[in-house]
Amino acid sequence: MLSALLVTLSLVTMLFTSDGVAIQFTTGVYLVFCYLVPGYGMLVGGIVYGAIMDLALNSVITMGITILINVLMFFIMKYGSKLITKHAAVILAASLVFLYIPFLYYVVWNTQEISTRNGLALKEAIVDSIQWIVSIVIFEVMYFTLSKTKLNEKLSNF
């Protein structure tokens, strides 16, 4: 059910694209679910949601890196938040979106001229920076809201 929610949020976000670029705020929602939902349900949810989104965006080549990033985000939020604060864990987990830059640069754009690849990498870095900030803000707002309304206790029993 949470995977369906994440896919739906991502697809709605895709409606608001500019020049083929969309800022995914779903990452922040995924991170808060990873932190609050007990067990390994969000690990499976992250794999399913990442795979479905890459299929929907006709981006099968990035499916492996998307799944890897979602799995790493899960483990950082689930176990990293026990070693460091949840706020530091979300900053670290959200920063994994920057792994797309070298992957795209060397795998996807390898047939482009170097100047074109550099321009695409710069554009991707800007988009990923905005997504990183948005993900952290979404996590903090959702966590604060869920904590104040005691919904996080009900969600942890989900």
N, C-alpha and C. Protein backbone atom coordinates (compact mmCIF):
# COMPACT_ATOMS: atom_id res chain seq x y z
N MET A 1 0.82 -1.18 0.00
CA MET A 1 0.00 0.00 0.00
C MET A 1 0.87 1.26 0.00
N LEU A 2 1.94 1.23 0.80
CA LEU A 2 2.84 2.38 0.83
C LEU A 2 3.59 2.54 -0.49
N SER A 3 3.90 1.42 -1.14
CA SER A 3 4.53 1.49 -2.47
C SER A 3 3.59 2.16 -3.46
N ALA A 4 2.33 1.81 -3.40
CA ALA A 4 1.34 2.43 -4.29
C ALA A 4 1.23 3.93 -4.03
N LEU A 5 1.29 4.30 -2.76
CA LEU A 5 1.26 5.73 -2.42
C LEU A 5 2.48 6.45 -2.99
N LEU A 6 3.65 5.85 -2.85
CA LEU A 6 4.87 6.47 -3.37
C LEU A 6 4.84 6.58 -4.90
N VAL A 7 4.36 5.55 -5.56
CA VAL A 7 4.26 5.59 -7.02
C VAL A 7 3.28 6.67 -7.45
N THR A 8 2.14 6.75 -6.77
CA THR A 8 1.14 7.76 -7.11
C THR A 8 1.69 9.16 -6.91
N LEU A 9 2.36 9.40 -5.80
CA LEU A 9 2.96 10.71 -5.56
C LEU A 9 4.00 11.04 -6.63
N SER A 10 4.79 10.06 -7.01
CA SER A 10 5.81 10.28 -8.04
C SER A 10 5.18 10.59 -9.39
N LEU A 11 4.14 9.88 -9.73
CA LEU A 11 3.48 10.12 -11.01
C LEU A 11 2.81 11.49 -11.05
N VAL A 12 2.25 11.91 -9.93
CA VAL A 12 1.67 13.25 -9.86
C VAL A 12 2.76 14.30 -10.01
N THR A 13 3.91 14.06 -9.40
CA THR A 13 5.04 14.99 -9.53
C THR A 13 5.48 15.10 -10.98
N MET A 14 5.41 14.01 -11.72
CA MET A 14 5.81 14.01 -13.13
C MET A 14 4.96 14.94 -13.99
N LEU A 15 3.77 15.26 -13.51
CA LEU A 15 2.91 16.18 -14.26
C LEU A 15 3.47 17.60 -14.27
N PHE A 16 4.32 17.91 -13.31
CA PHE A 16 4.88 19.24 -13.18
C PHE A 16 6.35 19.23 -13.55
N THR A 17 6.63 19.00 -14.81
CA THR A 17 8.01 18.97 -15.28
C THR A 17 8.31 20.24 -16.07
N SER A 18 9.57 20.57 -16.08
CA SER A 18 10.03 21.71 -16.86
C SER A 18 11.29 21.28 -17.60
N ASP A 19 11.24 21.31 -18.91
CA ASP A 19 12.38 20.93 -19.74
C ASP A 19 12.82 19.49 -19.45
N GLY A 20 11.84 18.63 -19.18
CA GLY A 20 12.14 17.24 -18.90
C GLY A 20 12.68 16.99 -17.50
N VAL A 21 12.63 17.98 -16.64
CA VAL A 21 13.16 17.86 -15.28
C VAL A 21 12.01 17.96 -14.29
N ALA A 22 11.96 17.01 -13.37
CA ALA A 22 10.97 17.03 -12.30
C ALA A 22 11.68 16.82 -10.98
N ILE A 23 11.29 17.59 -10.00
CA ILE A 23 11.85 17.43 -8.65
C ILE A 23 10.97 16.43 -7.91
N GLN A 24 11.56 15.32 -7.51
CA GLN A 24 10.82 14.27 -6.82
C GLN A 24 10.81 14.53 -5.31
N PHE A 25 9.67 14.96 -4.79
CA PHE A 25 9.57 15.11 -3.34
C PHE A 25 9.22 13.79 -2.68
N THR A 26 8.99 12.77 -3.48
CA THR A 26 8.66 11.45 -2.96
C THR A 26 9.82 10.86 -2.17
N THR A 27 11.03 11.26 -2.46
CA THR A 27 12.19 10.74 -1.73
C THR A 27 12.07 11.06 -0.24
N GLY A 28 11.65 12.27 0.08
CA GLY A 28 11.46 12.64 1.49
C GLY A 28 10.38 11.82 2.16
N VAL A 29 9.31 11.53 1.44
CA VAL A 29 8.23 10.69 1.97
C VAL A 29 8.75 9.27 2.20
N TYR A 30 9.52 8.77 1.23
CA TYR A 30 10.10 7.43 1.38
C TYR A 30 11.02 7.37 2.60
N LEU A 31 11.81 8.41 2.82
CA LEU A 31 12.73 8.42 3.95
C LEU A 31 11.99 8.43 5.29
N VAL A 32 10.90 9.18 5.39
CA VAL A 32 10.15 9.20 6.64
C VAL A 32 9.48 7.85 6.88
N PHE A 33 9.00 7.20 5.81
CA PHE A 33 8.43 5.86 5.97
C PHE A 33 9.50 4.86 6.38
N CYS A 34 10.69 4.96 5.81
CA CYS A 34 11.79 4.06 6.20
C CYS A 34 12.10 4.21 7.68
N TYR A 35 12.04 5.42 8.17
CA TYR A 35 12.35 5.67 9.58
C TYR A 35 11.23 5.18 10.50
N LEU A 36 9.98 5.38 10.10
CA LEU A 36 8.87 5.13 11.02
C LEU A 36 8.25 3.73 10.91
N VAL A 37 8.22 3.15 9.73
CA VAL A 37 7.57 1.86 9.56
C VAL A 37 8.51 0.76 10.05
N PRO A 38 8.05 -0.06 10.99
CA PRO A 38 8.93 -1.11 11.52
C PRO A 38 9.14 -2.24 10.50
N GLY A 39 10.22 -2.96 10.69
CA GLY A 39 10.51 -4.11 9.84
C GLY A 39 11.12 -3.73 8.51
N TYR A 40 11.04 -4.68 7.60
CA TYR A 40 11.68 -4.52 6.29
C TYR A 40 10.68 -4.23 5.17
N GLY A 41 9.47 -3.86 5.52
CA GLY A 41 8.45 -3.58 4.51
C GLY A 41 8.84 -2.48 3.56
N MET A 42 9.49 -1.44 4.06
CA MET A 42 9.87 -0.32 3.19
C MET A 42 11.08 -0.66 2.33
N LEU A 43 11.83 -1.68 2.70
CA LEU A 43 12.92 -2.13 1.83
C LEU A 43 12.32 -2.68 0.54
N VAL A 44 11.33 -3.55 0.70
CA VAL A 44 10.62 -4.09 -0.47
C VAL A 44 9.87 -2.96 -1.18
N GLY A 45 9.25 -2.08 -0.40
CA GLY A 45 8.52 -0.96 -0.98
C GLY A 45 9.42 -0.05 -1.81
N GLY A 46 10.62 0.18 -1.34
CA GLY A 46 11.57 1.02 -2.09
C GLY A 46 12.01 0.38 -3.38
N ILE A 47 12.20 -0.92 -3.35
CA ILE A 47 12.60 -1.64 -4.57
C ILE A 47 11.46 -1.60 -5.59
N VAL A 48 10.25 -1.88 -5.13
CA VAL A 48 9.09 -1.91 -6.02
C VAL A 48 8.81 -0.51 -6.57
N TYR A 49 8.80 0.48 -5.70
CA TYR A 49 8.50 1.84 -6.13
C TYR A 49 9.56 2.35 -7.10
N GLY A 50 10.82 2.09 -6.85
CA GLY A 50 11.88 2.52 -7.76
C GLY A 50 11.79 1.85 -9.12
N ALA A 51 11.51 0.54 -9.11
CA ALA A 51 11.40 -0.20 -10.37
C ALA A 51 10.20 0.27 -11.19
N ILE A 52 9.08 0.45 -10.54
CA ILE A 52 7.88 0.91 -11.25
C ILE A 52 8.09 2.30 -11.84
N MET A 53 8.72 3.18 -11.09
CA MET A 53 8.93 4.54 -11.60
C MET A 53 9.88 4.55 -12.79
N ASP A 54 10.93 3.76 -12.74
CA ASP A 54 11.85 3.72 -13.88
C ASP A 54 11.17 3.10 -15.10
N LEU A 55 10.32 2.11 -14.88
CA LEU A 55 9.56 1.55 -16.00
C LEU A 55 8.58 2.57 -16.56
N ALA A 56 7.91 3.30 -15.69
CA ALA A 56 6.93 4.30 -16.13
C ALA A 56 7.61 5.44 -16.88
N LEU A 57 8.84 5.76 -16.51
CA LEU A 57 9.57 6.86 -17.16
C LEU A 57 10.39 6.37 -18.35
N ASN A 58 10.22 5.09 -18.70
CA ASN A 58 10.95 4.51 -19.82
C ASN A 58 12.46 4.66 -19.62
N SER A 59 12.90 4.39 -18.41
CA SER A 59 14.31 4.54 -18.06
C SER A 59 14.82 3.24 -17.43
N VAL A 60 14.73 2.17 -18.17
CA VAL A 60 15.13 0.85 -17.67
C VAL A 60 16.62 0.82 -17.33
N ILE A 61 17.42 1.60 -18.04
CA ILE A 61 18.87 1.59 -17.81
C ILE A 61 19.23 2.09 -16.41
N THR A 62 18.40 2.94 -15.82
CA THR A 62 18.70 3.45 -14.48
C THR A 62 18.02 2.64 -13.37
N MET A 63 17.31 1.59 -13.72
CA MET A 63 16.58 0.82 -12.71
C MET A 63 17.51 0.24 -11.64
N GLY A 64 18.64 -0.29 -12.04
CA GLY A 64 19.56 -0.88 -11.07
C GLY A 64 20.09 0.13 -10.07
N ILE A 65 20.50 1.30 -10.55
CA ILE A 65 21.03 2.33 -9.64
C ILE A 65 19.91 2.88 -8.75
N THR A 66 18.71 2.98 -9.28
CA THR A 66 17.58 3.46 -8.48
C THR A 66 17.29 2.48 -7.34
N ILE A 67 17.27 1.20 -7.65
CA ILE A 67 17.02 0.20 -6.61
C ILE A 67 18.15 0.21 -5.58
N LEU A 68 19.40 0.30 -6.04
CA LEU A 68 20.53 0.37 -5.12
C LEU A 68 20.42 1.58 -4.19
N ILE A 69 20.09 2.73 -4.75
CA ILE A 69 19.97 3.94 -3.94
C ILE A 69 18.85 3.79 -2.92
N ASN A 70 17.70 3.25 -3.32
CA ASN A 70 16.59 3.08 -2.38
C ASN A 70 16.93 2.08 -1.27
N VAL A 71 17.66 1.02 -1.61
CA VAL A 71 18.08 0.05 -0.59
C VAL A 71 19.05 0.71 0.39
N LEU A 72 20.02 1.45 -0.12
CA LEU A 72 20.96 2.15 0.76
C LEU A 72 20.26 3.18 1.63
N MET A 73 19.29 3.90 1.05
CA MET A 73 18.52 4.86 1.85
C MET A 73 17.79 4.17 2.99
N PHE A 74 17.21 3.02 2.69
CA PHE A 74 16.51 2.27 3.72
C PHE A 74 17.44 1.92 4.88
N PHE A 75 18.60 1.34 4.56
CA PHE A 75 19.51 0.92 5.62
C PHE A 75 20.10 2.10 6.39
N ILE A 76 20.35 3.19 5.71
CA ILE A 76 20.85 4.37 6.42
C ILE A 76 19.79 4.89 7.38
N MET A 77 18.54 4.96 6.94
CA MET A 77 17.48 5.46 7.82
C MET A 77 17.16 4.48 8.94
N LYS A 78 17.17 3.20 8.64
CA LYS A 78 16.79 2.22 9.64
C LYS A 78 17.89 2.01 10.68
N TYR A 79 19.14 1.91 10.23
CA TYR A 79 20.22 1.59 11.15
C TYR A 79 21.17 2.76 11.41
N GLY A 80 21.34 3.62 10.43
CA GLY A 80 22.19 4.78 10.61
C GLY A 80 21.62 5.76 11.63
N SER A 81 20.28 5.82 11.69
CA SER A 81 19.65 6.72 12.65
C SER A 81 19.84 6.25 14.09
N LYS A 82 20.26 5.00 14.28
CA LYS A 82 20.57 4.51 15.62
C LYS A 82 21.99 4.91 16.03
N LEU A 83 22.87 5.07 15.05
CA LEU A 83 24.26 5.45 15.32
C LEU A 83 24.43 6.97 15.38
N ILE A 84 23.72 7.65 14.49
CA ILE A 84 23.74 9.12 14.46
C ILE A 84 22.30 9.58 14.61
N THR A 85 22.08 10.85 14.70
CA THR A 85 20.70 11.32 14.85
C THR A 85 19.91 11.09 13.57
N LYS A 86 18.60 11.07 13.72
CA LYS A 86 17.74 10.89 12.54
C LYS A 86 17.91 12.03 11.55
N HIS A 87 18.24 13.21 12.05
CA HIS A 87 18.43 14.38 11.18
C HIS A 87 19.71 14.23 10.35
N ALA A 88 20.77 13.72 10.95
CA ALA A 88 22.00 13.48 10.19
C ALA A 88 21.82 12.31 9.24
N ALA A 89 21.06 11.30 9.66
CA ALA A 89 20.81 10.15 8.79
C ALA A 89 20.03 10.55 7.55
N VAL A 90 19.06 11.45 7.70
CA VAL A 90 18.27 11.86 6.54
C VAL A 90 19.13 12.69 5.58
N ILE A 91 20.03 13.49 6.11
CA ILE A 91 20.94 14.26 5.25
C ILE A 91 21.83 13.31 4.45
N LEU A 92 22.37 12.31 5.12
CA LEU A 92 23.23 11.32 4.46
C LEU A 92 22.44 10.49 3.44
N ALA A 93 21.27 10.02 3.84
CA ALA A 93 20.47 9.19 2.94
C ALA A 93 20.00 9.97 1.72
N ALA A 94 19.57 11.20 1.93
CA ALA A 94 19.10 12.02 0.80
C ALA A 94 20.23 12.36 -0.16
N SER A 95 21.45 12.42 0.35
CA SER A 95 22.59 12.76 -0.51
C SER A 95 22.93 11.64 -1.51
N LEU A 96 22.34 10.47 -1.32
CA LEU A 96 22.59 9.37 -2.25
C LEU A 96 22.05 9.66 -3.65
N VAL A 97 21.16 10.63 -3.79
CA VAL A 97 20.66 10.97 -5.13
C VAL A 97 21.80 11.48 -6.02
N PHE A 98 22.88 11.94 -5.42
CA PHE A 98 24.02 12.41 -6.21
C PHE A 98 24.77 11.26 -6.90
N LEU A 99 24.46 10.01 -6.53
CA LEU A 99 25.07 8.86 -7.20
C LEU A 99 24.61 8.74 -8.65
N TYR A 100 23.49 9.38 -8.97
CA TYR A 100 23.02 9.36 -10.35
C TYR A 100 23.98 10.08 -11.29
N ILE A 101 24.67 11.10 -10.80
CA ILE A 101 25.52 11.92 -11.67
C ILE A 101 26.63 11.10 -12.32
N PRO A 102 27.48 10.40 -11.56
CA PRO A 102 28.52 9.61 -12.25
C PRO A 102 27.95 8.48 -13.09
N PHE A 103 26.85 7.88 -12.64
CA PHE A 103 26.24 6.81 -13.42
C PHE A 103 25.76 7.33 -14.77
N LEU A 104 25.04 8.42 -14.74
CA LEU A 104 24.56 9.00 -16.00
C LEU A 104 25.73 9.45 -16.88
N TYR A 105 26.74 10.04 -16.25
CA TYR A 105 27.87 10.59 -17.00
C TYR A 105 28.63 9.49 -17.75
N TYR A 106 28.91 8.39 -17.05
CA TYR A 106 29.75 7.35 -17.65
C TYR A 106 28.97 6.25 -18.38
N VAL A 107 27.71 6.05 -18.02
CA VAL A 107 26.96 4.95 -18.62
C VAL A 107 25.94 5.44 -19.66
N VAL A 108 25.14 6.41 -19.28
CA VAL A 108 24.05 6.84 -20.14
C VAL A 108 24.52 7.83 -21.21
N TRP A 109 25.33 8.78 -20.80
CA TRP A 109 25.75 9.85 -21.73
C TRP A 109 27.10 9.57 -22.38
N ASN A 110 27.60 8.36 -22.32
CA ASN A 110 28.95 8.07 -22.81
C ASN A 110 29.12 8.27 -24.31
N THR A 111 28.03 8.33 -25.06
CA THR A 111 28.15 8.55 -26.50
C THR A 111 28.13 10.03 -26.87
N GLN A 112 27.88 10.88 -25.89
CA GLN A 112 27.84 12.33 -26.13
C GLN A 112 29.25 12.90 -26.15
N GLU A 113 29.37 14.07 -26.76
CA GLU A 113 30.65 14.78 -26.69
C GLU A 113 30.90 15.21 -25.25
N ILE A 114 32.15 15.42 -24.91
CA ILE A 114 32.52 15.73 -23.52
C ILE A 114 31.87 17.03 -23.04
N SER A 115 31.78 18.04 -23.91
CA SER A 115 31.17 19.30 -23.49
C SER A 115 29.67 19.12 -23.24
N THR A 116 29.03 18.29 -24.03
CA THR A 116 27.61 18.02 -23.82
C THR A 116 27.41 17.25 -22.52
N ARG A 117 28.27 16.25 -22.28
CA ARG A 117 28.19 15.48 -21.03
C ARG A 117 28.40 16.38 -19.82
N ASN A 118 29.36 17.29 -19.92
CA ASN A 118 29.62 18.19 -18.79
C ASN A 118 28.41 19.09 -18.52
N GLY A 119 27.78 19.57 -19.58
CA GLY A 119 26.58 20.38 -19.42
C GLY A 119 25.44 19.60 -18.80
N LEU A 120 25.25 18.37 -19.26
CA LEU A 120 24.21 17.52 -18.69
C LEU A 120 24.50 17.18 -17.23
N ALA A 121 25.76 16.97 -16.91
CA ALA A 121 26.14 16.66 -15.52
C ALA A 121 25.89 17.87 -14.62
N LEU A 122 26.18 19.06 -15.11
CA LEU A 122 25.93 20.27 -14.33
C LEU A 122 24.43 20.44 -14.09
N LYS A 123 23.65 20.23 -15.13
CA LYS A 123 22.19 20.32 -15.00
C LYS A 123 21.68 19.29 -13.99
N GLU A 124 22.18 18.07 -14.06
CA GLU A 124 21.79 17.01 -13.14
C GLU A 124 22.21 17.34 -11.71
N ALA A 125 23.38 17.95 -11.54
CA ALA A 125 23.84 18.34 -10.21
C ALA A 125 22.92 19.39 -9.59
N ILE A 126 22.47 20.32 -10.40
CA ILE A 126 21.55 21.35 -9.90
C ILE A 126 20.22 20.72 -9.51
N VAL A 127 19.69 19.86 -10.38
CA VAL A 127 18.42 19.20 -10.10
C VAL A 127 18.54 18.32 -8.85
N ASP A 128 19.63 17.57 -8.74
CA ASP A 128 19.82 16.70 -7.56
C ASP A 128 20.01 17.52 -6.29
N SER A 129 20.64 18.67 -6.38
CA SER A 129 20.80 19.54 -5.21
C SER A 129 19.44 20.03 -4.71
N ILE A 130 18.60 20.42 -5.65
CA ILE A 130 17.26 20.86 -5.27
C ILE A 130 16.48 19.70 -4.68
N GLN A 131 16.58 18.53 -5.30
CA GLN A 131 15.89 17.35 -4.77
C GLN A 131 16.40 16.99 -3.38
N TRP A 132 17.68 17.12 -3.16
CA TRP A 132 18.28 16.83 -1.85
C TRP A 132 17.67 17.72 -0.78
N ILE A 133 17.60 19.02 -1.07
CA ILE A 133 17.04 19.97 -0.10
C ILE A 133 15.56 19.69 0.12
N VAL A 134 14.81 19.48 -0.96
CA VAL A 134 13.37 19.20 -0.85
C VAL A 134 13.13 17.93 -0.05
N SER A 135 13.93 16.90 -0.27
CA SER A 135 13.77 15.64 0.46
C SER A 135 13.96 15.83 1.96
N ILE A 136 14.97 16.60 2.33
CA ILE A 136 15.23 16.85 3.75
C ILE A 136 14.09 17.65 4.37
N VAL A 137 13.63 18.67 3.67
CA VAL A 137 12.53 19.49 4.19
C VAL A 137 11.26 18.66 4.32
N ILE A 138 10.94 17.86 3.32
CA ILE A 138 9.74 17.00 3.38
C ILE A 138 9.84 16.03 4.55
N PHE A 139 11.01 15.42 4.74
CA PHE A 139 11.19 14.51 5.87
C PHE A 139 10.93 15.23 7.19
N GLU A 140 11.57 16.37 7.37
CA GLU A 140 11.44 17.09 8.64
C GLU A 140 10.01 17.53 8.90
N VAL A 141 9.33 18.04 7.87
CA VAL A 141 7.95 18.48 8.04
C VAL A 141 7.04 17.31 8.36
N MET A 142 7.20 16.22 7.61
CA MET A 142 6.35 15.05 7.87
C MET A 142 6.64 14.44 9.24
N TYR A 143 7.91 14.34 9.60
CA TYR A 143 8.25 13.76 10.89
C TYR A 143 7.70 14.63 12.03
N PHE A 144 7.87 15.94 11.91
CA PHE A 144 7.36 16.86 12.93
C PHE A 144 5.84 16.75 13.03
N THR A 145 5.16 16.73 11.89
CA THR A 145 3.70 16.64 11.87
C THR A 145 3.23 15.32 12.46
N LEU A 146 3.85 14.22 12.04
CA LEU A 146 3.45 12.92 12.56
C LEU A 146 3.74 12.78 14.05
N SER A 147 4.82 13.39 14.51
CA SER A 147 5.16 13.33 15.94
C SER A 147 4.16 14.13 16.77
N LYS A 148 3.81 15.30 16.30
CA LYS A 148 2.89 16.16 17.06
C LYS A 148 1.47 15.61 17.09
N THR A 149 1.06 14.92 16.07
CA THR A 149 -0.30 14.39 16.01
C THR A 149 -0.38 12.95 16.51
N LYS A 150 0.74 12.39 16.92
CA LYS A 150 0.82 11.01 17.41
C LYS A 150 0.48 9.99 16.33
N LEU A 151 0.48 10.41 15.07
CA LEU A 151 0.24 9.47 13.98
C LEU A 151 1.41 8.54 13.77
N ASN A 152 2.61 8.96 14.21
CA ASN A 152 3.77 8.09 14.04
C ASN A 152 3.63 6.81 14.87
N GLU A 153 2.94 6.89 16.01
CA GLU A 153 2.73 5.69 16.82
C GLU A 153 1.77 4.74 16.09
N LYS A 154 0.75 5.30 15.46
CA LYS A 154 -0.20 4.46 14.71
C LYS A 154 0.47 3.90 13.46
N LEU A 155 1.33 4.70 12.82
CA LEU A 155 2.03 4.23 11.63
C LEU A 155 3.01 3.11 11.97
N SER A 156 3.63 3.19 13.16
CA SER A 156 4.57 2.14 13.53
C SER A 156 3.87 0.82 13.83
N ASN A 157 2.56 0.86 14.06
CA ASN A 157 1.78 -0.36 14.25
C ASN A 157 1.16 -0.85 12.95
N PHE A 158 1.47 -0.19 11.86
CA PHE A 158 0.89 -0.48 10.55
C PHE A 158 1.35 -1.82 10.03
